[in-house]
Amino acid sequence: MTTVNEARGRLFKRKDGKYLIYVPVDLAEDSMFPFQTHSALPVKISFKVGDDKLKVEKWTEEETE
């Protein structure tokens, strides 16, 4: 069994002005992928100024306060 922990995704802007991040199926369905969902899952997306990385984490209830 091969683990997929890196893949080429895509960030794109829709016609309605919203941005979406595409996560390839092989990556999202890998047994070690940190997010398990069958529909939608709230996530926290952040970055550091000057860096070229996005951080994606599970959204916790404490963060909605």
PDB file of N, CA and C in Angstrom:
ATOM      1  N   MET A   1       0.837  -1.178   0.000  1.00  0.00           N
ATOM      2  CA  MET A   1       0.000   0.000   0.000  1.00  0.00           C
ATOM      3  C   MET A   1       0.887   1.248   0.000  1.00  0.00           C
ATOM      4  N   THR A   2       0.589   2.194  -0.861  1.00  0.00           N
ATOM      5  CA  THR A   2       1.346   3.431  -0.952  1.00  0.00           C
ATOM      6  C   THR A   2       0.593   4.544  -0.251  1.00  0.00           C
ATOM      7  N   THR A   3       1.294   5.265   0.615  1.00  0.00           N
ATOM      8  CA  THR A   3       0.699   6.399   1.293  1.00  0.00           C
ATOM      9  C   THR A   3       0.886   7.646   0.445  1.00  0.00           C
ATOM     10  N   VAL A   4      -0.178   8.403   0.299  1.00  0.00           N
ATOM     11  CA  VAL A   4      -0.122   9.638  -0.475  1.00  0.00           C
ATOM     12  C   VAL A   4      -0.175  10.798   0.509  1.00  0.00           C
ATOM     13  N   ASN A   5       0.954  11.466   0.749  1.00  0.00           N
ATOM     14  CA  ASN A   5       0.946  12.597   1.671  1.00  0.00           C
ATOM     15  C   ASN A   5       1.297  13.904   0.966  1.00  0.00           C
ATOM     16  N   GLU A   6       1.350  13.852  -0.356  1.00  0.00           N
ATOM     17  CA  GLU A   6       1.614  15.049  -1.141  1.00  0.00           C
ATOM     18  C   GLU A   6       0.984  14.879  -2.512  1.00  0.00           C
ATOM     19  N   ALA A   7       0.333  15.917  -2.993  1.00  0.00           N
ATOM     20  CA  ALA A   7      -0.298  15.864  -4.305  1.00  0.00           C
ATOM     21  C   ALA A   7      -0.476  17.295  -4.813  1.00  0.00           C
ATOM     22  N   ARG A   8      -0.692  17.414  -6.089  1.00  0.00           N
ATOM     23  CA  ARG A   8      -0.897  18.735  -6.679  1.00  0.00           C
ATOM     24  C   ARG A   8      -2.388  19.071  -6.654  1.00  0.00           C
ATOM     25  N   GLY A   9      -2.723  20.104  -5.910  1.00  0.00           N
ATOM     26  CA  GLY A   9      -4.095  20.576  -5.838  1.00  0.00           C
ATOM     27  C   GLY A   9      -4.210  21.856  -6.633  1.00  0.00           C
ATOM     28  N   ARG A  10      -5.232  22.628  -6.323  1.00  0.00           N
ATOM     29  CA  ARG A  10      -5.425  23.861  -7.070  1.00  0.00           C
ATOM     30  C   ARG A  10      -6.248  24.841  -6.240  1.00  0.00           C
ATOM     31  N   LEU A  11      -5.847  26.101  -6.273  1.00  0.00           N
ATOM     32  CA  LEU A  11      -6.608  27.192  -5.687  1.00  0.00           C
ATOM     33  C   LEU A  11      -7.186  27.982  -6.850  1.00  0.00           C
ATOM     34  N   PHE A  12      -8.503  28.172  -6.852  1.00  0.00           N
ATOM     35  CA  PHE A  12      -9.074  28.920  -7.960  1.00  0.00           C
ATOM     36  C   PHE A  12     -10.230  29.786  -7.491  1.00  0.00           C
ATOM     37  N   LYS A  13     -10.518  30.807  -8.282  1.00  0.00           N
ATOM     38  CA  LYS A  13     -11.588  31.744  -7.986  1.00  0.00           C
ATOM     39  C   LYS A  13     -12.775  31.452  -8.887  1.00  0.00           C
ATOM     40  N   ARG A  14     -13.941  31.315  -8.271  1.00  0.00           N
ATOM     41  CA  ARG A  14     -15.168  31.070  -9.031  1.00  0.00           C
ATOM     42  C   ARG A  14     -15.718  32.369  -9.592  1.00  0.00           C
ATOM     43  N   LYS A  15     -16.663  32.259 -10.487  1.00  0.00           N
ATOM     44  CA  LYS A  15     -17.285  33.439 -11.094  1.00  0.00           C
ATOM     45  C   LYS A  15     -18.049  34.274 -10.068  1.00  0.00           C
ATOM     46  N   ASP A  16     -18.493  33.634  -8.972  1.00  0.00           N
ATOM     47  CA  ASP A  16     -19.219  34.378  -7.938  1.00  0.00           C
ATOM     48  C   ASP A  16     -18.289  35.053  -6.930  1.00  0.00           C
ATOM     49  N   GLY A  17     -16.974  34.987  -7.167  1.00  0.00           N
ATOM     50  CA  GLY A  17     -16.000  35.657  -6.311  1.00  0.00           C
ATOM     51  C   GLY A  17     -15.467  34.819  -5.167  1.00  0.00           C
ATOM     52  N   LYS A  18     -16.012  33.624  -4.958  1.00  0.00           N
ATOM     53  CA  LYS A  18     -15.527  32.749  -3.894  1.00  0.00           C
ATOM     54  C   LYS A  18     -14.285  32.005  -4.364  1.00  0.00           C
ATOM     55  N   TYR A  19     -13.417  31.670  -3.404  1.00  0.00           N
ATOM     56  CA  TYR A  19     -12.216  30.893  -3.702  1.00  0.00           C
ATOM     57  C   TYR A  19     -12.400  29.476  -3.190  1.00  0.00           C
ATOM     58  N   LEU A  20     -11.922  28.514  -3.937  1.00  0.00           N
ATOM     59  CA  LEU A  20     -11.992  27.109  -3.545  1.00  0.00           C
ATOM     60  C   LEU A  20     -10.602  26.494  -3.634  1.00  0.00           C
ATOM     61  N   ILE A  21     -10.358  25.531  -2.767  1.00  0.00           N
ATOM     62  CA  ILE A  21      -9.116  24.757  -2.816  1.00  0.00           C
ATOM     63  C   ILE A  21      -9.502  23.328  -3.176  1.00  0.00           C
ATOM     64  N   TYR A  22      -8.968  22.847  -4.282  1.00  0.00           N
ATOM     65  CA  TYR A  22      -9.220  21.479  -4.719  1.00  0.00           C
ATOM     66  C   TYR A  22      -8.171  20.567  -4.100  1.00  0.00           C
ATOM     67  N   VAL A  23      -8.626  19.531  -3.430  1.00  0.00           N
ATOM     68  CA  VAL A  23      -7.745  18.511  -2.848  1.00  0.00           C
ATOM     69  C   VAL A  23      -7.935  17.238  -3.665  1.00  0.00           C
ATOM     70  N   PRO A  24      -6.871  16.724  -4.282  1.00  0.00           N
ATOM     71  CA  PRO A  24      -7.003  15.523  -5.109  1.00  0.00           C
ATOM     72  C   PRO A  24      -7.549  14.324  -4.326  1.00  0.00           C
ATOM     73  N   VAL A  25      -8.323  13.513  -4.996  1.00  0.00           N
ATOM     74  CA  VAL A  25      -8.972  12.351  -4.387  1.00  0.00           C
ATOM     75  C   VAL A  25      -7.949  11.403  -3.745  1.00  0.00           C
ATOM     76  N   ASP A  26      -6.849  11.119  -4.427  1.00  0.00           N
ATOM     77  CA  ASP A  26      -5.849  10.188  -3.873  1.00  0.00           C
ATOM     78  C   ASP A  26      -5.327  10.668  -2.524  1.00  0.00           C
ATOM     79  N   LEU A  27      -5.159  11.965  -2.377  1.00  0.00           N
ATOM     80  CA  LEU A  27      -4.680  12.523  -1.116  1.00  0.00           C
ATOM     81  C   LEU A  27      -5.780  12.485  -0.054  1.00  0.00           C
ATOM     82  N   ALA A  28      -6.967  12.968  -0.390  1.00  0.00           N
ATOM     83  CA  ALA A  28      -8.068  13.050   0.570  1.00  0.00           C
ATOM     84  C   ALA A  28      -8.567  11.686   1.034  1.00  0.00           C
ATOM     85  N   GLU A  29      -8.421  10.662   0.212  1.00  0.00           N
ATOM     86  CA  GLU A  29      -8.908   9.329   0.587  1.00  0.00           C
ATOM     87  C   GLU A  29      -7.821   8.428   1.153  1.00  0.00           C
ATOM     88  N   ASP A  30      -6.612   8.945   1.305  1.00  0.00           N
ATOM     89  CA  ASP A  30      -5.541   8.168   1.924  1.00  0.00           C
ATOM     90  C   ASP A  30      -5.897   7.918   3.395  1.00  0.00           C
ATOM     91  N   SER A  31      -5.616   6.744   3.885  1.00  0.00           N
ATOM     92  CA  SER A  31      -5.991   6.384   5.257  1.00  0.00           C
ATOM     93  C   SER A  31      -5.310   7.263   6.305  1.00  0.00           C
ATOM     94  N   MET A  32      -4.211   7.908   5.971  1.00  0.00           N
ATOM     95  CA  MET A  32      -3.494   8.762   6.915  1.00  0.00           C
ATOM     96  C   MET A  32      -3.898  10.236   6.799  1.00  0.00           C
ATOM     97  N   PHE A  33      -4.790  10.569   5.868  1.00  0.00           N
ATOM     98  CA  PHE A  33      -5.243  11.950   5.693  1.00  0.00           C
ATOM     99  C   PHE A  33      -5.911  12.411   6.980  1.00  0.00           C
ATOM    100  N   PRO A  34      -5.569  13.591   7.499  1.00  0.00           N
ATOM    101  CA  PRO A  34      -6.053  14.006   8.828  1.00  0.00           C
ATOM    102  C   PRO A  34      -7.528  14.389   8.914  1.00  0.00           C
ATOM    103  N   PHE A  35      -8.219  14.536   7.795  1.00  0.00           N
ATOM    104  CA  PHE A  35      -9.627  14.919   7.815  1.00  0.00           C
ATOM    105  C   PHE A  35     -10.465  13.787   7.232  1.00  0.00           C
ATOM    106  N   GLN A  36     -11.384  13.276   8.031  1.00  0.00           N
ATOM    107  CA  GLN A  36     -12.288  12.226   7.560  1.00  0.00           C
ATOM    108  C   GLN A  36     -13.698  12.803   7.520  1.00  0.00           C
ATOM    109  N   THR A  37     -14.270  12.904   6.344  1.00  0.00           N
ATOM    110  CA  THR A  37     -15.611  13.447   6.206  1.00  0.00           C
ATOM    111  C   THR A  37     -16.284  12.875   4.970  1.00  0.00           C
ATOM    112  N   HIS A  38     -17.594  12.867   4.976  1.00  0.00           N
ATOM    113  CA  HIS A  38     -18.345  12.399   3.813  1.00  0.00           C
ATOM    114  C   HIS A  38     -19.169  13.529   3.210  1.00  0.00           C
ATOM    115  N   SER A  39     -19.089  14.715   3.818  1.00  0.00           N
ATOM    116  CA  SER A  39     -19.795  15.871   3.259  1.00  0.00           C
ATOM    117  C   SER A  39     -18.928  17.109   3.440  1.00  0.00           C
ATOM    118  N   ALA A  40     -19.286  17.988   4.351  1.00  0.00           N
ATOM    119  CA  ALA A  40     -18.518  19.206   4.594  1.00  0.00           C
ATOM    120  C   ALA A  40     -17.934  19.174   6.008  1.00  0.00           C
ATOM    121  N   LEU A  41     -16.784  19.796   6.162  1.00  0.00           N
ATOM    122  CA  LEU A  41     -16.103  19.839   7.456  1.00  0.00           C
ATOM    123  C   LEU A  41     -15.557  21.255   7.645  1.00  0.00           C
ATOM    124  N   PRO A  42     -15.935  21.933   8.741  1.00  0.00           N
ATOM    125  CA  PRO A  42     -15.389  23.272   8.977  1.00  0.00           C
ATOM    126  C   PRO A  42     -13.883  23.179   9.247  1.00  0.00           C
ATOM    127  N   VAL A  43     -13.122  24.026   8.596  1.00  0.00           N
ATOM    128  CA  VAL A  43     -11.672  24.059   8.795  1.00  0.00           C
ATOM    129  C   VAL A  43     -11.215  25.494   9.019  1.00  0.00           C
ATOM    130  N   LYS A  44     -10.102  25.632   9.701  1.00  0.00           N
ATOM    131  CA  LYS A  44      -9.455  26.924   9.917  1.00  0.00           C
ATOM    132  C   LYS A  44      -8.298  26.997   8.934  1.00  0.00           C
ATOM    133  N   ILE A  45      -8.251  28.059   8.139  1.00  0.00           N
ATOM    134  CA  ILE A  45      -7.173  28.243   7.173  1.00  0.00           C
ATOM    135  C   ILE A  45      -6.427  29.504   7.567  1.00  0.00           C
ATOM    136  N   SER A  46      -5.107  29.392   7.713  1.00  0.00           N
ATOM    137  CA  SER A  46      -4.313  30.542   8.121  1.00  0.00           C
ATOM    138  C   SER A  46      -2.985  30.546   7.381  1.00  0.00           C
ATOM    139  N   PHE A  47      -2.291  31.694   7.461  1.00  0.00           N
ATOM    140  CA  PHE A  47      -0.964  31.812   6.869  1.00  0.00           C
ATOM    141  C   PHE A  47      -0.174  32.850   7.636  1.00  0.00           C
ATOM    142  N   LYS A  48       1.133  32.802   7.496  1.00  0.00           N
ATOM    143  CA  LYS A  48       2.017  33.801   8.079  1.00  0.00           C
ATOM    144  C   LYS A  48       2.408  34.772   6.977  1.00  0.00           C
ATOM    145  N   VAL A  49       2.388  36.055   7.293  1.00  0.00           N
ATOM    146  CA  VAL A  49       2.762  37.077   6.328  1.00  0.00           C
ATOM    147  C   VAL A  49       4.188  36.826   5.841  1.00  0.00           C
ATOM    148  N   GLY A  50       4.372  36.850   4.523  1.00  0.00           N
ATOM    149  CA  GLY A  50       5.686  36.636   3.932  1.00  0.00           C
ATOM    150  C   GLY A  50       6.005  35.181   3.640  1.00  0.00           C
ATOM    151  N   ASP A  51       5.146  34.274   4.074  1.00  0.00           N
ATOM    152  CA  ASP A  51       5.368  32.843   3.839  1.00  0.00           C
ATOM    153  C   ASP A  51       4.513  32.406   2.656  1.00  0.00           C
ATOM    154  N   ASP A  52       4.883  31.312   2.009  1.00  0.00           N
ATOM    155  CA  ASP A  52       4.109  30.817   0.864  1.00  0.00           C
ATOM    156  C   ASP A  52       3.376  29.522   1.198  1.00  0.00           C
ATOM    157  N   LYS A  53       2.976  29.372   2.466  1.00  0.00           N
ATOM    158  CA  LYS A  53       2.286  28.155   2.908  1.00  0.00           C
ATOM    159  C   LYS A  53       0.938  28.510   3.528  1.00  0.00           C
ATOM    160  N   LEU A  54      -0.044  27.632   3.323  1.00  0.00           N
ATOM    161  CA  LEU A  54      -1.325  27.721   4.011  1.00  0.00           C
ATOM    162  C   LEU A  54      -1.366  26.626   5.059  1.00  0.00           C
ATOM    163  N   LYS A  55      -1.951  26.911   6.189  1.00  0.00           N
ATOM    164  CA  LYS A  55      -2.123  25.919   7.245  1.00  0.00           C
ATOM    165  C   LYS A  55      -3.614  25.616   7.330  1.00  0.00           C
ATOM    166  N   VAL A  56      -3.979  24.356   7.245  1.00  0.00           N
ATOM    167  CA  VAL A  56      -5.380  23.935   7.310  1.00  0.00           C
ATOM    168  C   VAL A  56      -5.530  23.031   8.524  1.00  0.00           C
ATOM    169  N   GLU A  57      -6.442  23.411   9.420  1.00  0.00           N
ATOM    170  CA  GLU A  57      -6.675  22.653  10.649  1.00  0.00           C
ATOM    171  C   GLU A  57      -8.170  22.431  10.828  1.00  0.00           C
ATOM    172  N   LYS A  58      -8.514  21.411  11.609  1.00  0.00           N
ATOM    173  CA  LYS A  58      -9.922  21.217  11.952  1.00  0.00           C
ATOM    174  C   LYS A  58     -10.369  22.407  12.792  1.00  0.00           C
ATOM    175  N   TRP A  59     -11.574  22.909  12.526  1.00  0.00           N
ATOM    176  CA  TRP A  59     -12.135  24.011  13.280  1.00  0.00           C
ATOM    177  C   TRP A  59     -12.717  23.450  14.566  1.00  0.00           C
ATOM    178  N   THR A  60     -12.336  24.034  15.697  1.00  0.00           N
ATOM    179  CA  THR A  60     -12.858  23.549  16.970  1.00  0.00           C
ATOM    180  C   THR A  60     -13.926  24.511  17.475  1.00  0.00           C
ATOM    181  N   GLU A  61     -14.812  24.012  18.315  1.00  0.00           N
ATOM    182  CA  GLU A  61     -15.921  24.818  18.837  1.00  0.00           C
ATOM    183  C   GLU A  61     -15.443  26.048  19.607  1.00  0.00           C
ATOM    184  N   GLU A  62     -14.285  25.976  20.286  1.00  0.00           N
ATOM    185  CA  GLU A  62     -13.780  27.124  21.037  1.00  0.00           C
ATOM    186  C   GLU A  62     -13.524  28.311  20.124  1.00  0.00           C
ATOM    187  N   GLU A  63     -13.223  28.053  18.853  1.00  0.00           N
ATOM    188  CA  GLU A  63     -12.875  29.114  17.923  1.00  0.00           C
ATOM    189  C   GLU A  63     -14.087  29.877  17.408  1.00  0.00           C
ATOM    190  N   THR A  64     -15.292  29.388  17.666  1.00  0.00           N
ATOM    191  CA  THR A  64     -16.494  30.078  17.200  1.00  0.00           C
ATOM    192  C   THR A  64     -16.938  31.157  18.191  1.00  0.00           C
ATOM    193  N   GLU A  65     -16.345  31.187  19.357  1.00  0.00           N
ATOM    194  CA  GLU A  65     -16.746  32.170  20.403  1.00  0.00           C
ATOM    195  C   GLU A  65     -16.203  33.533  20.088  1.00  0.00           C
TER     196      GLU A  65
END
